[in-house]
Amino acid sequence: RVTARYAKHHLPNYGVFDERRIFAPGDSPC
């Protein structure tokens, strides 16, 4: 089973990255 989940907090939005448009940020530590 899945025992833990962590969503990436900081979504890069420069250079080759376009994550802020695509993903929602996480806010909880793991």
Full PDB file with SEQRES, HELIX, SHEET, SSBOND, CRYST1, ORIGX, SCALE, CONECT and MASTER records, all heavy atoms in Angstrom:
SEQRES   1 A   30  ARG VAL THR ALA ARG TYR ALA LYS HIS HIS LEU PRO ASN          
SEQRES   2 A   30  TYR GLY VAL PHE ASP GLU ARG ARG ILE PHE ALA PRO GLY          
SEQRES   3 A   30  ASP SER PRO CYS                                              
HELIX    1 AA1 GLU A   19  ILE A   22  1                                   4    
CRYST1    1.000    1.000    1.000  90.00  90.00  90.00 P 1           1          
ORIGX1      1.000000  0.000000  0.000000        0.00000                         
ORIGX2      0.000000  1.000000  0.000000        0.00000                         
ORIGX3      0.000000  0.000000  1.000000        0.00000                         
SCALE1      1.000000  0.000000  0.000000        0.00000                         
SCALE2      0.000000  1.000000  0.000000        0.00000                         
SCALE3      0.000000  0.000000  1.000000        0.00000                         
ATOM      1  N   ARG A   1       0.829  -1.210   0.000  1.00  0.00           N  
ATOM      2  CA  ARG A   1       0.000   0.000   0.000  1.00  0.00           C  
ATOM      3  C   ARG A   1       0.860   1.255   0.000  1.00  0.00           C  
ATOM      4  O   ARG A   1       2.077   1.205   0.216  1.00  0.00           O  
ATOM      5  CB  ARG A   1      -0.936   0.003   1.214  1.00  0.00           C  
ATOM      6  CG  ARG A   1      -0.201   0.060   2.550  1.00  0.00           C  
ATOM      7  CD  ARG A   1      -1.159  -0.120   3.714  1.00  0.00           C  
ATOM      8  NE  ARG A   1      -0.452   0.000   4.995  1.00  0.00           N  
ATOM      9  CZ  ARG A   1      -0.283   1.151   5.640  1.00  0.00           C  
ATOM     10  NH1 ARG A   1      -0.782   2.274   5.125  1.00  0.00           N  
ATOM     11  NH2 ARG A   1       0.365   1.189   6.784  1.00  0.00           N  
ATOM     12  N   VAL A   2       0.207   2.387  -0.251  1.00  0.00           N  
ATOM     13  CA  VAL A   2       0.861   3.690  -0.175  1.00  0.00           C  
ATOM     14  C   VAL A   2       0.885   4.122   1.283  1.00  0.00           C  
ATOM     15  O   VAL A   2      -0.173   4.254   1.919  1.00  0.00           O  
ATOM     16  CB  VAL A   2       0.117   4.740  -1.029  1.00  0.00           C  
ATOM     17  CG1 VAL A   2       0.780   6.106  -0.876  1.00  0.00           C  
ATOM     18  CG2 VAL A   2       0.088   4.318  -2.490  1.00  0.00           C  
ATOM     19  N   THR A   3       2.082   4.350   1.816  1.00  0.00           N  
ATOM     20  CA  THR A   3       2.204   4.712   3.231  1.00  0.00           C  
ATOM     21  C   THR A   3       2.429   6.202   3.448  1.00  0.00           C  
ATOM     22  O   THR A   3       2.260   6.695   4.572  1.00  0.00           O  
ATOM     23  CB  THR A   3       3.365   3.940   3.884  1.00  0.00           C  
ATOM     24  OG1 THR A   3       4.578   4.228   3.174  1.00  0.00           O  
ATOM     25  CG2 THR A   3       3.103   2.432   3.834  1.00  0.00           C  
ATOM     26  N   ALA A   4       2.816   6.930   2.402  1.00  0.00           N  
ATOM     27  CA  ALA A   4       3.030   8.374   2.558  1.00  0.00           C  
ATOM     28  C   ALA A   4       2.985   9.034   1.190  1.00  0.00           C  
ATOM     29  O   ALA A   4       3.314   8.416   0.169  1.00  0.00           O  
ATOM     30  CB  ALA A   4       4.371   8.666   3.236  1.00  0.00           C  
ATOM     31  N   ARG A   5       2.561  10.299   1.184  1.00  0.00           N  
ATOM     32  CA  ARG A   5       2.547  11.110  -0.038  1.00  0.00           C  
ATOM     33  C   ARG A   5       3.125  12.479   0.277  1.00  0.00           C  
ATOM     34  O   ARG A   5       2.892  13.036   1.338  1.00  0.00           O  
ATOM     35  CB  ARG A   5       1.128  11.274  -0.591  1.00  0.00           C  
ATOM     36  CG  ARG A   5       0.497   9.996  -1.120  1.00  0.00           C  
ATOM     37  CD  ARG A   5      -0.897  10.264  -1.672  1.00  0.00           C  
ATOM     38  NE  ARG A   5      -1.558   9.046  -2.136  1.00  0.00           N  
ATOM     39  CZ  ARG A   5      -1.494   8.580  -3.373  1.00  0.00           C  
ATOM     40  NH1 ARG A   5      -0.800   9.240  -4.284  1.00  0.00           N  
ATOM     41  NH2 ARG A   5      -2.129   7.469  -3.701  1.00  0.00           N  
ATOM     42  N   TYR A   6       3.861  12.996  -0.694  1.00  0.00           N  
ATOM     43  CA  TYR A   6       4.436  14.334  -0.544  1.00  0.00           C  
ATOM     44  C   TYR A   6       4.315  15.046  -1.884  1.00  0.00           C  
ATOM     45  O   TYR A   6       4.770  14.525  -2.919  1.00  0.00           O  
ATOM     46  CB  TYR A   6       5.904  14.244  -0.140  1.00  0.00           C  
ATOM     47  CG  TYR A   6       6.631  15.576  -0.172  1.00  0.00           C  
ATOM     48  CD1 TYR A   6       6.576  16.444   0.918  1.00  0.00           C  
ATOM     49  CD2 TYR A   6       7.367  15.966  -1.289  1.00  0.00           C  
ATOM     50  CE1 TYR A   6       7.231  17.667   0.889  1.00  0.00           C  
ATOM     51  CE2 TYR A   6       8.029  17.188  -1.326  1.00  0.00           C  
ATOM     52  CZ  TYR A   6       7.947  18.038  -0.231  1.00  0.00           C  
ATOM     53  OH  TYR A   6       8.597  19.241  -0.260  1.00  0.00           O  
ATOM     54  N   ALA A   7       3.697  16.206  -1.900  1.00  0.00           N  
ATOM     55  CA  ALA A   7       3.571  17.007  -3.120  1.00  0.00           C  
ATOM     56  C   ALA A   7       4.663  18.069  -3.140  1.00  0.00           C  
ATOM     57  O   ALA A   7       4.870  18.786  -2.150  1.00  0.00           O  
ATOM     58  CB  ALA A   7       2.195  17.661  -3.192  1.00  0.00           C  
ATOM     59  N   LYS A   8       5.370  18.165  -4.236  1.00  0.00           N  
ATOM     60  CA  LYS A   8       6.444  19.145  -4.418  1.00  0.00           C  
ATOM     61  C   LYS A   8       5.935  20.552  -4.095  1.00  0.00           C  
ATOM     62  O   LYS A   8       4.881  20.976  -4.585  1.00  0.00           O  
ATOM     63  CB  LYS A   8       6.923  19.066  -5.879  1.00  0.00           C  
ATOM     64  CG  LYS A   8       8.121  19.918  -6.239  1.00  0.00           C  
ATOM     65  CD  LYS A   8       8.484  19.635  -7.703  1.00  0.00           C  
ATOM     66  CE  LYS A   8       9.694  20.403  -8.177  1.00  0.00           C  
ATOM     67  NZ  LYS A   8      10.029  20.071  -9.587  1.00  0.00           N  
ATOM     68  N   HIS A   9       6.695  21.268  -3.266  1.00  0.00           N  
ATOM     69  CA  HIS A   9       6.276  22.596  -2.825  1.00  0.00           C  
ATOM     70  C   HIS A   9       6.591  23.674  -3.849  1.00  0.00           C  
ATOM     71  O   HIS A   9       5.744  24.509  -4.179  1.00  0.00           O  
ATOM     72  CB  HIS A   9       6.956  22.946  -1.505  1.00  0.00           C  
ATOM     73  CG  HIS A   9       6.452  22.158  -0.342  1.00  0.00           C  
ATOM     74  ND1 HIS A   9       6.622  22.547   0.965  1.00  0.00           N  
ATOM     75  CD2 HIS A   9       5.771  20.979  -0.272  1.00  0.00           C  
ATOM     76  CE1 HIS A   9       6.075  21.664   1.790  1.00  0.00           C  
ATOM     77  NE2 HIS A   9       5.566  20.692   1.052  1.00  0.00           N  
ATOM     78  N   HIS A  10       7.824  23.706  -4.291  1.00  0.00           N  
ATOM     79  CA  HIS A  10       8.304  24.791  -5.151  1.00  0.00           C  
ATOM     80  C   HIS A  10       8.305  24.324  -6.605  1.00  0.00           C  
ATOM     81  O   HIS A  10       8.981  23.357  -6.965  1.00  0.00           O  
ATOM     82  CB  HIS A  10       9.696  25.242  -4.714  1.00  0.00           C  
ATOM     83  CG  HIS A  10       9.687  25.904  -3.372  1.00  0.00           C  
ATOM     84  ND1 HIS A  10       9.318  27.209  -3.190  1.00  0.00           N  
ATOM     85  CD2 HIS A  10       9.980  25.415  -2.141  1.00  0.00           C  
ATOM     86  CE1 HIS A  10       9.389  27.513  -1.902  1.00  0.00           C  
ATOM     87  NE2 HIS A  10       9.787  26.444  -1.246  1.00  0.00           N  
ATOM     88  N   LEU A  11       7.531  25.001  -7.412  1.00  0.00           N  
ATOM     89  CA  LEU A  11       7.315  24.610  -8.806  1.00  0.00           C  
ATOM     90  C   LEU A  11       8.080  25.567  -9.711  1.00  0.00           C  
ATOM     91  O   LEU A  11       7.703  26.736  -9.844  1.00  0.00           O  
ATOM     92  CB  LEU A  11       5.823  24.644  -9.119  1.00  0.00           C  
ATOM     93  CG  LEU A  11       4.966  23.765  -8.208  1.00  0.00           C  
ATOM     94  CD1 LEU A  11       3.490  23.991  -8.480  1.00  0.00           C  
ATOM     95  CD2 LEU A  11       5.323  22.288  -8.378  1.00  0.00           C  
ATOM     96  N   PRO A  12       9.160  25.106 -10.333  1.00  0.00           N  
ATOM     97  CA  PRO A  12       9.985  25.999 -11.143  1.00  0.00           C  
ATOM     98  C   PRO A  12       9.230  26.523 -12.356  1.00  0.00           C  
ATOM     99  O   PRO A  12       8.456  25.804 -12.982  1.00  0.00           O  
ATOM    100  CB  PRO A  12      11.172  25.118 -11.552  1.00  0.00           C  
ATOM    101  CG  PRO A  12      10.649  23.714 -11.458  1.00  0.00           C  
ATOM    102  CD  PRO A  12       9.658  23.721 -10.344  1.00  0.00           C  
ATOM    103  N   ASN A  13       9.485  27.763 -12.669  1.00  0.00           N  
ATOM    104  CA  ASN A  13       8.776  28.427 -13.759  1.00  0.00           C  
ATOM    105  C   ASN A  13       9.747  29.312 -14.534  1.00  0.00           C  
ATOM    106  O   ASN A  13       9.446  30.463 -14.831  1.00  0.00           O  
ATOM    107  CB  ASN A  13       7.631  29.270 -13.192  1.00  0.00           C  
ATOM    108  CG  ASN A  13       6.518  29.482 -14.198  1.00  0.00           C  
ATOM    109  OD1 ASN A  13       6.031  28.528 -14.787  1.00  0.00           O  
ATOM    110  ND2 ASN A  13       6.128  30.723 -14.406  1.00  0.00           N  
ATOM    111  N   TYR A  14      10.913  28.754 -14.859  1.00  0.00           N  
ATOM    112  CA  TYR A  14      11.956  29.496 -15.563  1.00  0.00           C  
ATOM    113  C   TYR A  14      12.678  28.519 -16.490  1.00  0.00           C  
ATOM    114  O   TYR A  14      12.599  27.304 -16.336  1.00  0.00           O  
ATOM    115  CB  TYR A  14      12.952  30.104 -14.577  1.00  0.00           C  
ATOM    116  CG  TYR A  14      13.580  29.092 -13.639  1.00  0.00           C  
ATOM    117  CD1 TYR A  14      14.721  28.381 -14.014  1.00  0.00           C  
ATOM    118  CD2 TYR A  14      13.019  28.824 -12.397  1.00  0.00           C  
ATOM    119  CE1 TYR A  14      15.283  27.448 -13.172  1.00  0.00           C  
ATOM    120  CE2 TYR A  14      13.577  27.880 -11.551  1.00  0.00           C  
ATOM    121  CZ  TYR A  14      14.707  27.191 -11.937  1.00  0.00           C  
ATOM    122  OH  TYR A  14      15.263  26.257 -11.100  1.00  0.00           O  
ATOM    123  N   GLY A  15      13.380  29.085 -17.476  1.00  0.00           N  
ATOM    124  CA  GLY A  15      14.155  28.234 -18.382  1.00  0.00           C  
ATOM    125  C   GLY A  15      13.286  27.181 -19.040  1.00  0.00           C  
ATOM    126  O   GLY A  15      12.284  27.487 -19.689  1.00  0.00           O  
ATOM    127  N   VAL A  16      13.646  25.917 -18.829  1.00  0.00           N  
ATOM    128  CA  VAL A  16      12.927  24.812 -19.475  1.00  0.00           C  
ATOM    129  C   VAL A  16      11.693  24.392 -18.685  1.00  0.00           C  
ATOM    130  O   VAL A  16      10.949  23.511 -19.131  1.00  0.00           O  
ATOM    131  CB  VAL A  16      13.860  23.592 -19.649  1.00  0.00           C  
ATOM    132  CG1 VAL A  16      15.077  23.962 -20.454  1.00  0.00           C  
ATOM    133  CG2 VAL A  16      14.266  23.004 -18.296  1.00  0.00           C  
ATOM    134  N   PHE A  17      11.459  24.991 -17.526  1.00  0.00           N  
ATOM    135  CA  PHE A  17      10.398  24.527 -16.638  1.00  0.00           C  
ATOM    136  C   PHE A  17       9.139  25.383 -16.767  1.00  0.00           C  
ATOM    137  O   PHE A  17       9.204  26.600 -16.896  1.00  0.00           O  
ATOM    138  CB  PHE A  17      10.874  24.543 -15.184  1.00  0.00           C  
ATOM    139  CG  PHE A  17      12.097  23.722 -14.940  1.00  0.00           C  
ATOM    140  CD1 PHE A  17      13.326  24.323 -14.711  1.00  0.00           C  
ATOM    141  CD2 PHE A  17      12.029  22.333 -14.926  1.00  0.00           C  
ATOM    142  CE1 PHE A  17      14.461  23.571 -14.489  1.00  0.00           C  
ATOM    143  CE2 PHE A  17      13.168  21.571 -14.703  1.00  0.00           C  
ATOM    144  CZ  PHE A  17      14.385  22.190 -14.480  1.00  0.00           C  
ATOM    145  N   ASP A  18       7.997  24.698 -16.658  1.00  0.00           N  
ATOM    146  CA  ASP A  18       6.694  25.364 -16.766  1.00  0.00           C  
ATOM    147  C   ASP A  18       5.735  24.746 -15.750  1.00  0.00           C  
ATOM    148  O   ASP A  18       4.559  24.546 -16.024  1.00  0.00           O  
ATOM    149  CB  ASP A  18       6.168  25.202 -18.200  1.00  0.00           C  
ATOM    150  CG  ASP A  18       4.940  26.044 -18.470  1.00  0.00           C  
ATOM    151  OD1 ASP A  18       4.743  27.053 -17.778  1.00  0.00           O  
ATOM    152  OD2 ASP A  18       4.165  25.681 -19.375  1.00  0.00           O  
ATOM    153  N   GLU A  19       6.248  24.437 -14.560  1.00  0.00           N  
ATOM    154  CA  GLU A  19       5.467  23.637 -13.621  1.00  0.00           C  
ATOM    155  C   GLU A  19       4.396  24.434 -12.883  1.00  0.00           C  
ATOM    156  O   GLU A  19       3.375  23.875 -12.475  1.00  0.00           O  
ATOM    157  CB  GLU A  19       6.397  22.959 -12.610  1.00  0.00           C  
ATOM    158  CG  GLU A  19       7.270  21.893 -13.233  1.00  0.00           C  
ATOM    159  CD  GLU A  19       7.877  20.952 -12.208  1.00  0.00           C  
ATOM    160  OE1 GLU A  19       7.526  21.060 -11.012  1.00  0.00           O  
ATOM    161  OE2 GLU A  19       8.689  20.110 -12.594  1.00  0.00           O  
ATOM    162  N   ARG A  20       4.628  25.720 -12.693  1.00  0.00           N  
ATOM    163  CA  ARG A  20       3.659  26.506 -11.927  1.00  0.00           C  
ATOM    164  C   ARG A  20       2.308  26.568 -12.641  1.00  0.00           C  
ATOM    165  O   ARG A  20       1.256  26.640 -12.011  1.00  0.00           O  
ATOM    166  CB  ARG A  20       4.203  27.915 -11.680  1.00  0.00           C  
ATOM    167  CG  ARG A  20       3.481  28.676 -10.580  1.00  0.00           C  
ATOM    168  CD  ARG A  20       4.145  30.015 -10.342  1.00  0.00           C  
ATOM    169  NE  ARG A  20       5.545  29.846  -9.967  1.00  0.00           N  
ATOM    170  CZ  ARG A  20       6.444  30.834  -9.980  1.00  0.00           C  
ATOM    171  NH1 ARG A  20       6.079  32.043 -10.398  1.00  0.00           N  
ATOM    172  NH2 ARG A  20       7.685  30.613  -9.622  1.00  0.00           N  
ATOM    173  N   ARG A  21       2.353  26.529 -13.963  1.00  0.00           N  
ATOM    174  CA  ARG A  21       1.103  26.547 -14.730  1.00  0.00           C  
ATOM    175  C   ARG A  21       0.377  25.211 -14.650  1.00  0.00           C  
ATOM    176  O   ARG A  21      -0.854  25.153 -14.703  1.00  0.00           O  
ATOM    177  CB  ARG A  21       1.405  26.865 -16.198  1.00  0.00           C  
ATOM    178  CG  ARG A  21       0.194  26.870 -17.116  1.00  0.00           C  
ATOM    179  CD  ARG A  21       0.581  27.145 -18.543  1.00  0.00           C  
ATOM    180  NE  ARG A  21       1.420  26.113 -19.116  1.00  0.00           N  
ATOM    181  CZ  ARG A  21       0.952  24.979 -19.638  1.00  0.00           C  
ATOM    182  NH1 ARG A  21      -0.341  24.745 -19.648  1.00  0.00           N  
ATOM    183  NH2 ARG A  21       1.777  24.086 -20.141  1.00  0.00           N  
ATOM    184  N   ILE A  22       1.143  24.132 -14.500  1.00  0.00           N  
ATOM    185  CA  ILE A  22       0.576  22.792 -14.622  1.00  0.00           C  
ATOM    186  C   ILE A  22       0.158  22.207 -13.272  1.00  0.00           C  
ATOM    187  O   ILE A  22      -0.930  21.648 -13.131  1.00  0.00           O  
ATOM    188  CB  ILE A  22       1.596  21.863 -15.307  1.00  0.00           C  
ATOM    189  CG1 ILE A  22       1.896  22.357 -16.722  1.00  0.00           C  
ATOM    190  CG2 ILE A  22       1.100  20.420 -15.331  1.00  0.00           C  
ATOM    191  CD1 ILE A  22       3.072  21.677 -17.374  1.00  0.00           C  
ATOM    192  N   PHE A  23       1.040  22.318 -12.271  1.00  0.00           N  
ATOM    193  CA  PHE A  23       0.825  21.634 -11.000  1.00  0.00           C  
ATOM    194  C   PHE A  23       0.351  22.596  -9.905  1.00  0.00           C  
ATOM    195  O   PHE A  23       0.628  23.796  -9.940  1.00  0.00           O  
ATOM    196  CB  PHE A  23       2.116  20.966 -10.528  1.00  0.00           C  
ATOM    197  CG  PHE A  23       2.646  19.907 -11.451  1.00  0.00           C  
ATOM    198  CD1 PHE A  23       3.824  20.104 -12.153  1.00  0.00           C  
ATOM    199  CD2 PHE A  23       1.965  18.710 -11.621  1.00  0.00           C  
ATOM    200  CE1 PHE A  23       4.326  19.131 -12.998  1.00  0.00           C  
ATOM    201  CE2 PHE A  23       2.452  17.731 -12.465  1.00  0.00           C  
ATOM    202  CZ  PHE A  23       3.632  17.943 -13.149  1.00  0.00           C  
ATOM    203  N   ALA A  24      -0.308  22.014  -8.934  1.00  0.00           N  
ATOM    204  CA  ALA A  24      -0.619  22.724  -7.699  1.00  0.00           C  
ATOM    205  C   ALA A  24       0.485  22.416  -6.693  1.00  0.00           C  
ATOM    206  O   ALA A  24       0.948  21.272  -6.599  1.00  0.00           O  
ATOM    207  CB  ALA A  24      -1.968  22.277  -7.148  1.00  0.00           C  
ATOM    208  N   PRO A  25       0.945  23.401  -5.917  1.00  0.00           N  
ATOM    209  CA  PRO A  25       2.023  23.145  -4.958  1.00  0.00           C  
ATOM    210  C   PRO A  25       1.514  22.430  -3.714  1.00  0.00           C  
ATOM    211  O   PRO A  25       0.352  22.582  -3.311  1.00  0.00           O  
ATOM    212  CB  PRO A  25       2.514  24.550  -4.613  1.00  0.00           C  
ATOM    213  CG  PRO A  25       1.301  25.410  -4.779  1.00  0.00           C  
ATOM    214  CD  PRO A  25       0.531  24.811  -5.923  1.00  0.00           C  
ATOM    215  N   GLY A  26       2.401  21.655  -3.096  1.00  0.00           N  
ATOM    216  CA  GLY A  26       2.097  21.073  -1.802  1.00  0.00           C  
ATOM    217  C   GLY A  26       2.504  22.027  -0.693  1.00  0.00           C  
ATOM    218  O   GLY A  26       3.197  23.021  -0.934  1.00  0.00           O  
ATOM    219  N   ASP A  27       2.097  21.710   0.529  1.00  0.00           N  
ATOM    220  CA  ASP A  27       2.464  22.587   1.652  1.00  0.00           C  
ATOM    221  C   ASP A  27       2.755  21.820   2.930  1.00  0.00           C  
ATOM    222  O   ASP A  27       2.955  22.421   3.982  1.00  0.00           O  
ATOM    223  CB  ASP A  27       1.362  23.621   1.907  1.00  0.00           C  
ATOM    224  CG  ASP A  27      -0.002  22.992   2.173  1.00  0.00           C  
ATOM    225  OD1 ASP A  27      -0.063  21.759   2.370  1.00  0.00           O  
ATOM    226  OD2 ASP A  27      -0.995  23.739   2.183  1.00  0.00           O  
ATOM    227  N   SER A  28       2.789  20.481   2.851  1.00  0.00           N  
ATOM    228  CA  SER A  28       3.021  19.680   4.052  1.00  0.00           C  
ATOM    229  C   SER A  28       4.358  18.965   3.973  1.00  0.00           C  
ATOM    230  O   SER A  28       4.729  18.443   2.915  1.00  0.00           O  
ATOM    231  CB  SER A  28       1.913  18.641   4.219  1.00  0.00           C  
ATOM    232  OG  SER A  28       0.658  19.258   4.336  1.00  0.00           O  
ATOM    233  N   PRO A  29       5.114  18.926   5.094  1.00  0.00           N  
ATOM    234  CA  PRO A  29       6.380  18.181   5.091  1.00  0.00           C  
ATOM    235  C   PRO A  29       6.121  16.682   5.126  1.00  0.00           C  
ATOM    236  O   PRO A  29       4.997  16.226   5.365  1.00  0.00           O  
ATOM    237  CB  PRO A  29       7.061  18.659   6.376  1.00  0.00           C  
ATOM    238  CG  PRO A  29       5.923  19.011   7.275  1.00  0.00           C  
ATOM    239  CD  PRO A  29       4.836  19.558   6.389  1.00  0.00           C  
ATOM    240  N   CYS A  30       7.178  15.912   4.886  1.00  0.00           N  
ATOM    241  CA  CYS A  30       7.047  14.457   4.914  1.00  0.00           C  
ATOM    242  C   CYS A  30       8.302  13.850   5.537  1.00  0.00           C  
ATOM    243  O   CYS A  30       9.419  14.090   5.063  1.00  0.00           O  
ATOM    244  CB  CYS A  30       6.851  13.909   3.505  1.00  0.00           C  
ATOM    245  SG  CYS A  30       6.586  12.119   3.442  1.00  0.00           S  
TER     246      CYS A  30                                                      
MASTER        0    0    0    1    0    0    0    6  245    1    0    3          
END                                                                             
